[in-house]
Amino acid sequence: MTESIAPLLTETEASMKKSISFLESELSKIRAGKVSIQMFDGINVEYYGAPTPLGQVANISIVDARTITIQPWEKNMIQPIERAIMMANMGITPQNDGVLIRIFMPPVTEERRKELVKRANNEGENGKVTIRNIRRDSIEKIKKLQKDGLSEDASKDAEANIQNITDRYIALIEKLLESKEKEIMAI
């Protein structure tokens, strides 16, 4: 019966890795003083009736430390792109000249930095909740295996292994949040 525990542990760790990857992508979208193209990863534009990622309908490029240009591949896409950026509620106002959209990022104030740290911590807390939910589901599976004949010692060992994996990933989230906070608060 212990051969059924190894795949469960592997599955648990794989799920937690996916959760960490998602957290990293969400944290990369939080602007920390410098512009990045990843800020626009979650923005979808209405393209012929279908929501399409912004990067698939336009070329996004960084001009300087605080300016981004977005050049749509089709001229009629300027308005939908502007609308999508405004709807994303990023605190930026796109400006267009009929050919391309320019986005000037305002300097980040101390108050705004604190808001960004708070947002990063919320993302981290969501990541921790996800990790804990994965742990709970795995432990429930172990208890089900125990009812099906798994020994109590093997069950306790498996639960301890899952707790160790959980602790490791929670610590990784803490480390990610700490480095993101340093990045945001750096002037």
C-alpha atoms as a PDB file:
ATOM      1  CA  MET A   1       0.000   0.000   0.000  1.00  0.00           C
ATOM      2  CA  THR A   2       2.995   2.355   0.479  1.00  0.00           C
ATOM      3  CA  GLU A   3       3.444   2.405  -3.311  1.00  0.00           C
ATOM      4  CA  SER A   4       0.231   4.496  -3.440  1.00  0.00           C
ATOM      5  CA  ILE A   5       1.781   7.159  -1.182  1.00  0.00           C
ATOM      6  CA  ALA A   6       4.751   8.036  -3.432  1.00  0.00           C
ATOM      7  CA  PRO A   7       2.583   9.196  -6.365  1.00  0.00           C
ATOM      8  CA  LEU A   8       0.449  11.179  -3.913  1.00  0.00           C
ATOM      9  CA  LEU A   9       3.538  12.969  -2.567  1.00  0.00           C
ATOM     10  CA  THR A  10       4.755  13.642  -6.119  1.00  0.00           C
ATOM     11  CA  GLU A  11       1.340  14.985  -7.109  1.00  0.00           C
ATOM     12  CA  THR A  12       1.214  17.186  -3.998  1.00  0.00           C
ATOM     13  CA  GLU A  13       4.629  18.679  -4.717  1.00  0.00           C
ATOM     14  CA  ALA A  14       3.765  19.237  -8.400  1.00  0.00           C
ATOM     15  CA  SER A  15       0.575  21.093  -7.418  1.00  0.00           C
ATOM     16  CA  MET A  16       2.511  23.261  -4.980  1.00  0.00           C
ATOM     17  CA  LYS A  17       5.111  24.047  -7.677  1.00  0.00           C
ATOM     18  CA  LYS A  18       2.296  25.206  -9.975  1.00  0.00           C
ATOM     19  CA  SER A  19       1.002  27.427  -7.197  1.00  0.00           C
ATOM     20  CA  ILE A  20       4.465  28.982  -6.755  1.00  0.00           C
ATOM     21  CA  SER A  21       4.773  29.549 -10.524  1.00  0.00           C
ATOM     22  CA  PHE A  22       1.413  31.295 -10.550  1.00  0.00           C
ATOM     23  CA  LEU A  23       2.455  33.476  -7.588  1.00  0.00           C
ATOM     24  CA  GLU A  24       5.705  34.413  -9.349  1.00  0.00           C
ATOM     25  CA  SER A  25       3.788  35.456 -12.471  1.00  0.00           C
ATOM     26  CA  GLU A  26       1.355  37.531 -10.395  1.00  0.00           C
ATOM     27  CA  LEU A  27       4.208  39.222  -8.510  1.00  0.00           C
ATOM     28  CA  SER A  28       5.969  40.034 -11.781  1.00  0.00           C
ATOM     29  CA  LYS A  29       2.904  42.054 -12.812  1.00  0.00           C
ATOM     30  CA  ILE A  30       3.310  44.366  -9.828  1.00  0.00           C
ATOM     31  CA  ARG A  31       5.338  47.342 -10.984  1.00  0.00           C
ATOM     32  CA  ALA A  32       8.296  48.164  -8.769  1.00  0.00           C
ATOM     33  CA  GLY A  33       9.527  51.523 -10.032  1.00  0.00           C
ATOM     34  CA  LYS A  34      10.596  50.373 -13.463  1.00  0.00           C
ATOM     35  CA  VAL A  35       8.383  49.482 -16.386  1.00  0.00           C
ATOM     36  CA  SER A  36       8.120  45.944 -17.643  1.00  0.00           C
ATOM     37  CA  ILE A  37       6.208  44.297 -20.425  1.00  0.00           C
ATOM     38  CA  GLN A  38       4.875  41.673 -17.971  1.00  0.00           C
ATOM     39  CA  MET A  39       2.583  44.362 -16.549  1.00  0.00           C
ATOM     40  CA  PHE A  40       0.356  43.794 -19.571  1.00  0.00           C
ATOM     41  CA  ASP A  41       0.285  39.968 -19.427  1.00  0.00           C
ATOM     42  CA  GLY A  42      -3.169  39.763 -17.890  1.00  0.00           C
ATOM     43  CA  ILE A  43      -4.827  42.256 -20.250  1.00  0.00           C
ATOM     44  CA  ASN A  44      -7.187  40.872 -22.871  1.00  0.00           C
ATOM     45  CA  VAL A  45      -8.431  42.916 -25.826  1.00  0.00           C
ATOM     46  CA  GLU A  46     -11.702  42.341 -27.651  1.00  0.00           C
ATOM     47  CA  TYR A  47     -10.444  41.159 -31.060  1.00  0.00           C
ATOM     48  CA  TYR A  48     -13.185  40.277 -33.542  1.00  0.00           C
ATOM     49  CA  GLY A  49     -15.485  39.233 -30.728  1.00  0.00           C
ATOM     50  CA  ALA A  50     -12.973  37.118 -28.825  1.00  0.00           C
ATOM     51  CA  PRO A  51     -10.893  38.178 -25.802  1.00  0.00           C
ATOM     52  CA  THR A  52      -7.281  38.018 -26.975  1.00  0.00           C
ATOM     53  CA  PRO A  53      -4.068  38.717 -24.979  1.00  0.00           C
ATOM     54  CA  LEU A  54      -2.694  42.185 -25.701  1.00  0.00           C
ATOM     55  CA  GLY A  55       0.655  40.755 -26.822  1.00  0.00           C
ATOM     56  CA  GLN A  56      -1.113  38.891 -29.648  1.00  0.00           C
ATOM     57  CA  VAL A  57      -2.663  42.000 -31.230  1.00  0.00           C
ATOM     58  CA  ALA A  58       0.128  44.543 -30.762  1.00  0.00           C
ATOM     59  CA  ASN A  59       3.850  45.005 -30.353  1.00  0.00           C
ATOM     60  CA  ILE A  60       4.734  46.186 -26.836  1.00  0.00           C
ATOM     61  CA  SER A  61       8.116  47.845 -26.360  1.00  0.00           C
ATOM     62  CA  ILE A  62       9.939  49.812 -23.677  1.00  0.00           C
ATOM     63  CA  VAL A  63      11.205  53.197 -24.883  1.00  0.00           C
ATOM     64  CA  ASP A  64      12.891  54.352 -21.678  1.00  0.00           C
ATOM     65  CA  ALA A  65      12.676  53.772 -17.918  1.00  0.00           C
ATOM     66  CA  ARG A  66       9.144  55.201 -17.680  1.00  0.00           C
ATOM     67  CA  THR A  67       7.675  54.955 -21.195  1.00  0.00           C
ATOM     68  CA  ILE A  68       6.068  52.037 -23.015  1.00  0.00           C
ATOM     69  CA  THR A  69       4.737  52.061 -26.557  1.00  0.00           C
ATOM     70  CA  ILE A  70       2.093  49.725 -27.893  1.00  0.00           C
ATOM     71  CA  GLN A  71       1.797  49.479 -31.664  1.00  0.00           C
ATOM     72  CA  PRO A  72      -1.287  47.580 -32.821  1.00  0.00           C
ATOM     73  CA  TRP A  73      -0.878  45.410 -35.879  1.00  0.00           C
ATOM     74  CA  GLU A  74      -4.219  46.704 -37.128  1.00  0.00           C
ATOM     75  CA  LYS A  75      -5.045  50.404 -36.939  1.00  0.00           C
ATOM     76  CA  ASN A  76      -8.646  49.748 -35.887  1.00  0.00           C
ATOM     77  CA  MET A  77      -7.389  48.058 -32.691  1.00  0.00           C
ATOM     78  CA  ILE A  78      -6.208  51.305 -31.034  1.00  0.00           C
ATOM     79  CA  GLN A  79      -9.556  52.029 -29.339  1.00  0.00           C
ATOM     80  CA  PRO A  80     -10.117  48.478 -28.008  1.00  0.00           C
ATOM     81  CA  ILE A  81      -6.541  48.369 -26.664  1.00  0.00           C
ATOM     82  CA  GLU A  82      -6.967  51.714 -24.909  1.00  0.00           C
ATOM     83  CA  ARG A  83     -10.278  50.535 -23.451  1.00  0.00           C
ATOM     84  CA  ALA A  84      -8.710  47.281 -22.214  1.00  0.00           C
ATOM     85  CA  ILE A  85      -5.840  49.140 -20.521  1.00  0.00           C
ATOM     86  CA  MET A  86      -8.262  51.528 -18.818  1.00  0.00           C
ATOM     87  CA  MET A  87     -10.460  48.606 -17.697  1.00  0.00           C
ATOM     88  CA  ALA A  88      -7.404  46.852 -16.204  1.00  0.00           C
ATOM     89  CA  ASN A  89      -7.355  49.605 -13.546  1.00  0.00           C
ATOM     90  CA  MET A  90      -3.569  49.879 -13.474  1.00  0.00           C
ATOM     91  CA  GLY A  91      -3.540  53.576 -12.608  1.00  0.00           C
ATOM     92  CA  ILE A  92      -2.185  54.592 -16.021  1.00  0.00           C
ATOM     93  CA  THR A  93      -3.701  56.550 -18.880  1.00  0.00           C
ATOM     94  CA  PRO A  94      -2.799  55.537 -22.423  1.00  0.00           C
ATOM     95  CA  GLN A  95      -2.278  58.283 -25.028  1.00  0.00           C
ATOM     96  CA  ASN A  96      -2.560  57.601 -28.738  1.00  0.00           C
ATOM     97  CA  ASP A  97      -1.499  59.525 -31.802  1.00  0.00           C
ATOM     98  CA  GLY A  98      -3.571  57.489 -34.248  1.00  0.00           C
ATOM     99  CA  VAL A  99      -0.727  55.075 -34.998  1.00  0.00           C
ATOM    100  CA  LEU A 100       0.599  53.913 -31.635  1.00  0.00           C
ATOM    101  CA  ILE A 101      -0.245  54.146 -27.950  1.00  0.00           C
ATOM    102  CA  ARG A 102       2.208  55.688 -25.504  1.00  0.00           C
ATOM    103  CA  ILE A 103       2.052  55.013 -21.810  1.00  0.00           C
ATOM    104  CA  PHE A 104       3.964  57.281 -19.456  1.00  0.00           C
ATOM    105  CA  MET A 105       4.392  55.682 -16.071  1.00  0.00           C
ATOM    106  CA  PRO A 106       4.248  58.154 -13.194  1.00  0.00           C
ATOM    107  CA  PRO A 107       7.021  58.004 -10.615  1.00  0.00           C
ATOM    108  CA  VAL A 108       6.097  55.767  -7.708  1.00  0.00           C
ATOM    109  CA  THR A 109       5.410  57.663  -4.478  1.00  0.00           C
ATOM    110  CA  GLU A 110       6.052  56.270  -1.005  1.00  0.00           C
ATOM    111  CA  GLU A 111       2.296  55.844  -0.492  1.00  0.00           C
ATOM    112  CA  ARG A 112       1.961  53.965  -3.777  1.00  0.00           C
ATOM    113  CA  ARG A 113       4.917  51.731  -2.855  1.00  0.00           C
ATOM    114  CA  LYS A 114       3.164  50.782   0.384  1.00  0.00           C
ATOM    115  CA  GLU A 115      -0.002  49.943  -1.595  1.00  0.00           C
ATOM    116  CA  LEU A 116       2.065  47.767  -3.949  1.00  0.00           C
ATOM    117  CA  VAL A 117       3.647  45.962  -0.983  1.00  0.00           C
ATOM    118  CA  LYS A 118       0.159  45.375   0.422  1.00  0.00           C
ATOM    119  CA  ARG A 119      -0.978  44.008  -2.944  1.00  0.00           C
ATOM    120  CA  ALA A 120       2.076  41.725  -3.124  1.00  0.00           C
ATOM    121  CA  ASN A 121       1.344  40.470   0.408  1.00  0.00           C
ATOM    122  CA  ASN A 122      -2.265  39.735  -0.604  1.00  0.00           C
ATOM    123  CA  GLU A 123      -1.006  37.702  -3.565  1.00  0.00           C
ATOM    124  CA  GLY A 124       1.370  35.883  -1.202  1.00  0.00           C
ATOM    125  CA  GLU A 125      -1.437  35.160   1.237  1.00  0.00           C
ATOM    126  CA  ASN A 126      -3.524  33.740  -1.620  1.00  0.00           C
ATOM    127  CA  GLY A 127      -0.552  31.538  -2.512  1.00  0.00           C
ATOM    128  CA  LYS A 128      -0.270  30.304   1.078  1.00  0.00           C
ATOM    129  CA  VAL A 129      -3.984  29.499   1.170  1.00  0.00           C
ATOM    130  CA  THR A 130      -3.612  27.512  -2.051  1.00  0.00           C
ATOM    131  CA  ILE A 131      -0.645  25.581  -0.608  1.00  0.00           C
ATOM    132  CA  ARG A 132      -2.619  24.819   2.565  1.00  0.00           C
ATOM    133  CA  ASN A 133      -5.619  23.662   0.516  1.00  0.00           C
ATOM    134  CA  ILE A 134      -3.353  21.293  -1.422  1.00  0.00           C
ATOM    135  CA  ARG A 135      -2.025  19.968   1.905  1.00  0.00           C
ATOM    136  CA  ARG A 136      -5.559  19.462   3.226  1.00  0.00           C
ATOM    137  CA  ASP A 137      -6.636  17.580   0.086  1.00  0.00           C
ATOM    138  CA  SER A 138      -3.553  15.346   0.219  1.00  0.00           C
ATOM    139  CA  ILE A 139      -4.080  14.528   3.889  1.00  0.00           C
ATOM    140  CA  GLU A 140      -7.720  13.655   3.151  1.00  0.00           C
ATOM    141  CA  LYS A 141      -6.506  11.257   0.446  1.00  0.00           C
ATOM    142  CA  ILE A 142      -4.114   9.657   2.949  1.00  0.00           C
ATOM    143  CA  LYS A 143      -6.946   9.204   5.461  1.00  0.00           C
ATOM    144  CA  LYS A 144      -9.009   7.567   2.721  1.00  0.00           C
ATOM    145  CA  LEU A 145      -6.079   5.238   1.967  1.00  0.00           C
ATOM    146  CA  GLN A 146      -5.849   4.451   5.682  1.00  0.00           C
ATOM    147  CA  LYS A 147      -9.514   3.400   5.682  1.00  0.00           C
ATOM    148  CA  ASP A 148      -8.708   1.199   2.663  1.00  0.00           C
ATOM    149  CA  GLY A 149      -5.967  -0.641   4.581  1.00  0.00           C
ATOM    150  CA  LEU A 150      -2.916   1.629   4.861  1.00  0.00           C
ATOM    151  CA  SER A 151      -1.158   1.167   8.191  1.00  0.00           C
ATOM    152  CA  GLU A 152      -1.372   3.933  10.770  1.00  0.00           C
ATOM    153  CA  ASP A 153       2.431   4.352  10.863  1.00  0.00           C
ATOM    154  CA  ALA A 154       2.649   4.746   7.084  1.00  0.00           C
ATOM    155  CA  SER A 155      -0.239   7.208   7.254  1.00  0.00           C
ATOM    156  CA  LYS A 156       1.484   9.310   9.940  1.00  0.00           C
ATOM    157  CA  ASP A 157       4.772   9.258   7.991  1.00  0.00           C
ATOM    158  CA  ALA A 158       3.012  10.387   4.817  1.00  0.00           C
ATOM    159  CA  GLU A 159       1.248  13.197   6.678  1.00  0.00           C
ATOM    160  CA  ALA A 160       4.592  14.304   8.130  1.00  0.00           C
ATOM    161  CA  ASN A 161       6.138  14.285   4.630  1.00  0.00           C
ATOM    162  CA  ILE A 162       3.279  16.388   3.299  1.00  0.00           C
ATOM    163  CA  GLN A 163       3.688  18.825   6.192  1.00  0.00           C
ATOM    164  CA  ASN A 164       7.430  19.106   5.430  1.00  0.00           C
ATOM    165  CA  ILE A 165       6.690  19.818   1.759  1.00  0.00           C
ATOM    166  CA  THR A 166       4.091  22.396   2.810  1.00  0.00           C
ATOM    167  CA  ASP A 167       6.510  24.105   5.207  1.00  0.00           C
ATOM    168  CA  ARG A 168       9.142  24.272   2.467  1.00  0.00           C
ATOM    169  CA  TYR A 169       6.769  25.933  -0.013  1.00  0.00           C
ATOM    170  CA  ILE A 170       5.369  28.367   2.578  1.00  0.00           C
ATOM    171  CA  ALA A 171       8.968  29.408   3.346  1.00  0.00           C
ATOM    172  CA  LEU A 172       9.568  29.871  -0.392  1.00  0.00           C
ATOM    173  CA  ILE A 173       6.527  32.155  -0.596  1.00  0.00           C
ATOM    174  CA  GLU A 174       7.895  34.178   2.344  1.00  0.00           C
ATOM    175  CA  LYS A 175      11.233  34.520   0.559  1.00  0.00           C
ATOM    176  CA  LEU A 176       9.526  35.628  -2.691  1.00  0.00           C
ATOM    177  CA  LEU A 177       7.471  38.223  -0.816  1.00  0.00           C
ATOM    178  CA  GLU A 178      10.512  39.515   1.033  1.00  0.00           C
ATOM    179  CA  SER A 179      12.490  40.025  -2.183  1.00  0.00           C
ATOM    180  CA  LYS A 180       9.488  41.654  -3.910  1.00  0.00           C
ATOM    181  CA  GLU A 181       9.052  44.036  -0.983  1.00  0.00           C
ATOM    182  CA  LYS A 182      12.727  45.019  -1.171  1.00  0.00           C
ATOM    183  CA  GLU A 183      12.359  45.560  -4.925  1.00  0.00           C
ATOM    184  CA  ILE A 184       9.258  47.736  -4.471  1.00  0.00           C
ATOM    185  CA  MET A 185      10.634  49.808  -1.605  1.00  0.00           C
ATOM    186  CA  ALA A 186      14.028  50.440  -3.281  1.00  0.00           C
ATOM    187  CA  ILE A 187      14.217  54.033  -4.516  1.00  0.00           C
END
